[in-house]
C-alpha atoms as a PDB file:
ATOM      1  CA  UNK A   1       0.000   0.000   0.000  1.00  0.00           C
ATOM      2  CA  UNK A   2       1.679   3.192  -1.176  1.00  0.00           C
ATOM      3  CA  UNK A   3      -0.234   5.646   1.021  1.00  0.00           C
ATOM      4  CA  UNK A   4      -0.390   4.462   4.652  1.00  0.00           C
ATOM      5  CA  UNK A   5      -3.287   6.822   5.336  1.00  0.00           C
ATOM      6  CA  UNK A   6      -5.558   5.413   2.606  1.00  0.00           C
ATOM      7  CA  UNK A   7      -7.191   2.352   1.102  1.00  0.00           C
ATOM      8  CA  UNK A   8      -7.232   2.483  -2.691  1.00  0.00           C
ATOM      9  CA  UNK A   9      -9.174   0.098  -4.917  1.00  0.00           C
ATOM     10  CA  UNK A  10      -9.389  -0.022  -8.720  1.00  0.00           C
ATOM     11  CA  UNK A  11     -12.148  -2.393  -9.887  1.00  0.00           C
ATOM     12  CA  UNK A  12     -13.630  -3.016 -13.328  1.00  0.00           C
ATOM     13  CA  UNK A  13     -17.364  -3.749 -13.281  1.00  0.00           C
ATOM     14  CA  UNK A  14     -19.051  -5.047 -16.463  1.00  0.00           C
ATOM     15  CA  UNK A  15     -21.984  -2.657 -15.989  1.00  0.00           C
ATOM     16  CA  UNK A  16     -22.595   0.850 -17.384  1.00  0.00           C
ATOM     17  CA  UNK A  17     -21.750   3.865 -15.181  1.00  0.00           C
ATOM     18  CA  UNK A  18     -25.428   4.848 -14.775  1.00  0.00           C
ATOM     19  CA  UNK A  19     -26.216   1.452 -13.243  1.00  0.00           C
ATOM     20  CA  UNK A  20     -23.178   1.557 -10.941  1.00  0.00           C
ATOM     21  CA  UNK A  21     -24.083   5.116  -9.937  1.00  0.00           C
ATOM     22  CA  UNK A  22     -27.607   4.002  -9.032  1.00  0.00           C
ATOM     23  CA  UNK A  23     -26.203   1.235  -6.789  1.00  0.00           C
ATOM     24  CA  UNK A  24     -24.015   3.829  -5.032  1.00  0.00           C
ATOM     25  CA  UNK A  25     -26.752   6.412  -4.556  1.00  0.00           C
ATOM     26  CA  UNK A  26     -30.050   4.557  -4.064  1.00  0.00           C
ATOM     27  CA  UNK A  27     -30.442   4.000  -0.313  1.00  0.00           C
ATOM     28  CA  UNK A  28     -32.229   0.645  -0.691  1.00  0.00           C
ATOM     29  CA  UNK A  29     -29.654  -0.716  -3.152  1.00  0.00           C
ATOM     30  CA  UNK A  30     -26.777   0.645  -1.041  1.00  0.00           C
ATOM     31  CA  UNK A  31     -28.192  -1.202   1.967  1.00  0.00           C
ATOM     32  CA  UNK A  32     -28.240  -4.455   0.003  1.00  0.00           C
ATOM     33  CA  UNK A  33     -24.510  -4.446  -0.771  1.00  0.00           C
ATOM     34  CA  UNK A  34     -22.995  -2.234   1.928  1.00  0.00           C
ATOM     35  CA  UNK A  35     -24.991  -1.420   5.089  1.00  0.00           C
ATOM     36  CA  UNK A  36     -28.425  -0.189   6.206  1.00  0.00           C
ATOM     37  CA  UNK A  37     -28.485   3.598   5.835  1.00  0.00           C
ATOM     38  CA  UNK A  38     -30.514   6.766   5.396  1.00  0.00           C
ATOM     39  CA  UNK A  39     -28.477   8.077   2.464  1.00  0.00           C
ATOM     40  CA  UNK A  40     -29.858  10.705   0.101  1.00  0.00           C
ATOM     41  CA  UNK A  41     -27.718  11.898  -2.835  1.00  0.00           C
ATOM     42  CA  UNK A  42     -27.779  15.580  -1.864  1.00  0.00           C
ATOM     43  CA  UNK A  43     -24.675  17.646  -1.215  1.00  0.00           C
ATOM     44  CA  UNK A  44     -24.350  18.262   2.538  1.00  0.00           C
ATOM     45  CA  UNK A  45     -26.837  15.538   3.518  1.00  0.00           C
ATOM     46  CA  UNK A  46     -25.895  13.883   6.805  1.00  0.00           C
ATOM     47  CA  UNK A  47     -26.633  10.179   7.050  1.00  0.00           C
ATOM     48  CA  UNK A  48     -25.605   7.039   8.901  1.00  0.00           C
ATOM     49  CA  UNK A  49     -24.615   3.470   8.157  1.00  0.00           C
ATOM     50  CA  UNK A  50     -25.319   0.781  10.738  1.00  0.00           C
ATOM     51  CA  UNK A  51     -23.320  -2.387  11.328  1.00  0.00           C
ATOM     52  CA  UNK A  52     -22.049  -4.554  14.178  1.00  0.00           C
ATOM     53  CA  UNK A  53     -20.294  -2.724  17.021  1.00  0.00           C
ATOM     54  CA  UNK A  54     -16.572  -3.386  17.557  1.00  0.00           C
ATOM     55  CA  UNK A  55     -15.892  -2.396  21.183  1.00  0.00           C
ATOM     56  CA  UNK A  56     -12.173  -3.258  20.906  1.00  0.00           C
ATOM     57  CA  UNK A  57     -11.885  -0.547  18.255  1.00  0.00           C
ATOM     58  CA  UNK A  58     -14.057   1.981  20.125  1.00  0.00           C
ATOM     59  CA  UNK A  59     -16.758   1.576  17.454  1.00  0.00           C
ATOM     60  CA  UNK A  60     -20.458   1.464  18.415  1.00  0.00           C
ATOM     61  CA  UNK A  61     -21.654   0.236  15.004  1.00  0.00           C
ATOM     62  CA  UNK A  62     -22.767   3.621  13.623  1.00  0.00           C
ATOM     63  CA  UNK A  63     -20.851   5.363  10.856  1.00  0.00           C
ATOM     64  CA  UNK A  64     -21.711   9.064  10.710  1.00  0.00           C
ATOM     65  CA  UNK A  65     -21.463  10.419   7.185  1.00  0.00           C
ATOM     66  CA  UNK A  66     -22.020  13.563   5.156  1.00  0.00           C
ATOM     67  CA  UNK A  67     -22.144  13.939   1.376  1.00  0.00           C
ATOM     68  CA  UNK A  68     -19.088  16.075   0.523  1.00  0.00           C
ATOM     69  CA  UNK A  69     -18.986  15.862  -3.282  1.00  0.00           C
ATOM     70  CA  UNK A  70     -21.580  14.834  -5.835  1.00  0.00           C
ATOM     71  CA  UNK A  71     -21.037  14.885  -9.602  1.00  0.00           C
ATOM     72  CA  UNK A  72     -23.456  12.357 -11.163  1.00  0.00           C
ATOM     73  CA  UNK A  73     -22.540   9.859 -12.534  1.00  0.00           C
ATOM     74  CA  UNK A  74     -18.821  10.479 -12.162  1.00  0.00           C
ATOM     75  CA  UNK A  75     -17.876  11.226  -8.580  1.00  0.00           C
ATOM     76  CA  UNK A  76     -19.249  10.867  -5.067  1.00  0.00           C
ATOM     77  CA  UNK A  77     -17.564  11.353  -1.724  1.00  0.00           C
ATOM     78  CA  UNK A  78     -18.715  11.281   1.841  1.00  0.00           C
ATOM     79  CA  UNK A  79     -17.251  11.797   5.286  1.00  0.00           C
ATOM     80  CA  UNK A  80     -16.940   8.498   7.202  1.00  0.00           C
ATOM     81  CA  UNK A  81     -16.768   9.000  10.964  1.00  0.00           C
ATOM     82  CA  UNK A  82     -17.088   6.369  13.629  1.00  0.00           C
ATOM     83  CA  UNK A  83     -15.106   5.366  16.690  1.00  0.00           C
ATOM     84  CA  UNK A  84     -11.723   7.035  16.312  1.00  0.00           C
ATOM     85  CA  UNK A  85     -12.072   7.524  12.557  1.00  0.00           C
ATOM     86  CA  UNK A  86     -12.618  10.782  10.730  1.00  0.00           C
ATOM     87  CA  UNK A  87     -12.053   9.737   7.122  1.00  0.00           C
ATOM     88  CA  UNK A  88     -13.384  10.313   3.605  1.00  0.00           C
ATOM     89  CA  UNK A  89     -14.646   7.748   1.090  1.00  0.00           C
ATOM     90  CA  UNK A  90     -14.439   8.847  -2.543  1.00  0.00           C
ATOM     91  CA  UNK A  91     -15.916   6.955  -5.494  1.00  0.00           C
ATOM     92  CA  UNK A  92     -14.898   7.793  -9.063  1.00  0.00           C
ATOM     93  CA  UNK A  93     -16.619   6.132 -12.029  1.00  0.00           C
ATOM     94  CA  UNK A  94     -15.033   6.078 -15.472  1.00  0.00           C
ATOM     95  CA  UNK A  95     -16.733   4.524 -18.498  1.00  0.00           C
ATOM     96  CA  UNK A  96     -14.587   1.733 -19.926  1.00  0.00           C
ATOM     97  CA  UNK A  97     -15.923  -0.166 -22.918  1.00  0.00           C
ATOM     98  CA  UNK A  98     -19.364  -1.436 -21.964  1.00  0.00           C
ATOM     99  CA  UNK A  99     -18.550  -1.282 -18.277  1.00  0.00           C
ATOM    100  CA  UNK A 100     -17.206   0.976 -15.555  1.00  0.00           C
ATOM    101  CA  UNK A 101     -13.817   1.385 -13.952  1.00  0.00           C
ATOM    102  CA  UNK A 102     -14.641   2.088 -10.301  1.00  0.00           C
ATOM    103  CA  UNK A 103     -12.004   3.768  -8.178  1.00  0.00           C
ATOM    104  CA  UNK A 104     -12.455   3.839  -4.422  1.00  0.00           C
ATOM    105  CA  UNK A 105     -10.251   5.882  -2.116  1.00  0.00           C
ATOM    106  CA  UNK A 106     -10.903   5.698   1.620  1.00  0.00           C
ATOM    107  CA  UNK A 107      -8.450   8.198   3.125  1.00  0.00           C
ATOM    108  CA  UNK A 108      -7.604   9.943   6.353  1.00  0.00           C
ATOM    109  CA  UNK A 109      -6.415   7.083   8.563  1.00  0.00           C
ATOM    110  CA  UNK A 110      -3.716   8.032  11.058  1.00  0.00           C
ATOM    111  CA  UNK A 111      -0.780   5.720  10.222  1.00  0.00           C
ATOM    112  CA  UNK A 112       0.725   6.384  13.678  1.00  0.00           C
ATOM    113  CA  UNK A 113      -2.376   5.129  15.525  1.00  0.00           C
ATOM    114  CA  UNK A 114      -2.303   1.305  15.873  1.00  0.00           C
ATOM    115  CA  UNK A 115      -6.113   1.072  16.117  1.00  0.00           C
ATOM    116  CA  UNK A 116      -6.549   3.130  12.952  1.00  0.00           C
ATOM    117  CA  UNK A 117      -3.888   1.099  11.129  1.00  0.00           C
ATOM    118  CA  UNK A 118      -5.730  -2.110  12.074  1.00  0.00           C
ATOM    119  CA  UNK A 119      -9.063  -0.567  11.050  1.00  0.00           C
ATOM    120  CA  UNK A 120      -7.577   0.590   7.712  1.00  0.00           C
ATOM    121  CA  UNK A 121      -6.317  -2.930   7.053  1.00  0.00           C
ATOM    122  CA  UNK A 122      -9.681  -4.501   7.981  1.00  0.00           C
ATOM    123  CA  UNK A 123     -11.662  -2.017   5.904  1.00  0.00           C
ATOM    124  CA  UNK A 124      -9.216  -2.365   3.026  1.00  0.00           C
ATOM    125  CA  UNK A 125      -9.705  -6.114   2.977  1.00  0.00           C
ATOM    126  CA  UNK A 126     -13.458  -5.611   3.147  1.00  0.00           C
ATOM    127  CA  UNK A 127     -13.596  -3.012   0.365  1.00  0.00           C
ATOM    128  CA  UNK A 128     -11.378  -5.143  -1.904  1.00  0.00           C
ATOM    129  CA  UNK A 129     -13.080  -8.412  -1.031  1.00  0.00           C
ATOM    130  CA  UNK A 130     -16.643  -9.049  -0.033  1.00  0.00           C
ATOM    131  CA  UNK A 131     -17.990  -5.472  -0.363  1.00  0.00           C
ATOM    132  CA  UNK A 132     -17.166  -5.028  -4.055  1.00  0.00           C
ATOM    133  CA  UNK A 133     -18.094  -8.662  -4.688  1.00  0.00           C
ATOM    134  CA  UNK A 134     -21.554  -7.950  -3.209  1.00  0.00           C
ATOM    135  CA  UNK A 135     -21.809  -4.779  -5.322  1.00  0.00           C
ATOM    136  CA  UNK A 136     -20.997  -6.718  -8.499  1.00  0.00           C
ATOM    137  CA  UNK A 137     -23.512  -9.432  -7.542  1.00  0.00           C
ATOM    138  CA  UNK A 138     -26.211  -6.797  -6.939  1.00  0.00           C
ATOM    139  CA  UNK A 139     -25.468  -5.181 -10.305  1.00  0.00           C
ATOM    140  CA  UNK A 140     -25.645  -8.563 -12.043  1.00  0.00           C
ATOM    141  CA  UNK A 141     -28.947  -9.576 -10.438  1.00  0.00           C
ATOM    142  CA  UNK A 142     -30.774  -6.220 -10.464  1.00  0.00           C
ATOM    143  CA  UNK A 143     -32.270  -4.797 -13.661  1.00  0.00           C
END
């Protein structure tokens, strides 16, 4: 990992950008592949994700977010705060052939904080593994 304060993922999805964008910005679809939420694609909207608490990481299971950037269907970013984290998740979609090159950058981890390093590594594995796999599955099975 070149930047110790970030998780970076580059994933090709064989689906058009408009469909990928919808999966990133429709609250019900987002809940199916990521987490239950009250997301609305409006700049400045504050929302939450809910998952299992992780007391050993000072995390109560709620991720507090705010839409920071919104450029449909190209770019979306939100603040991601929970436990000791105050980070930013940025999605960039680039049309590639009949599909989409999806870039994810989750940045702002403190590389000097052992809990944040561990959290970055866990989230990085999740983003690269089962999260994007679930997104691709949702895109494949949803019209």
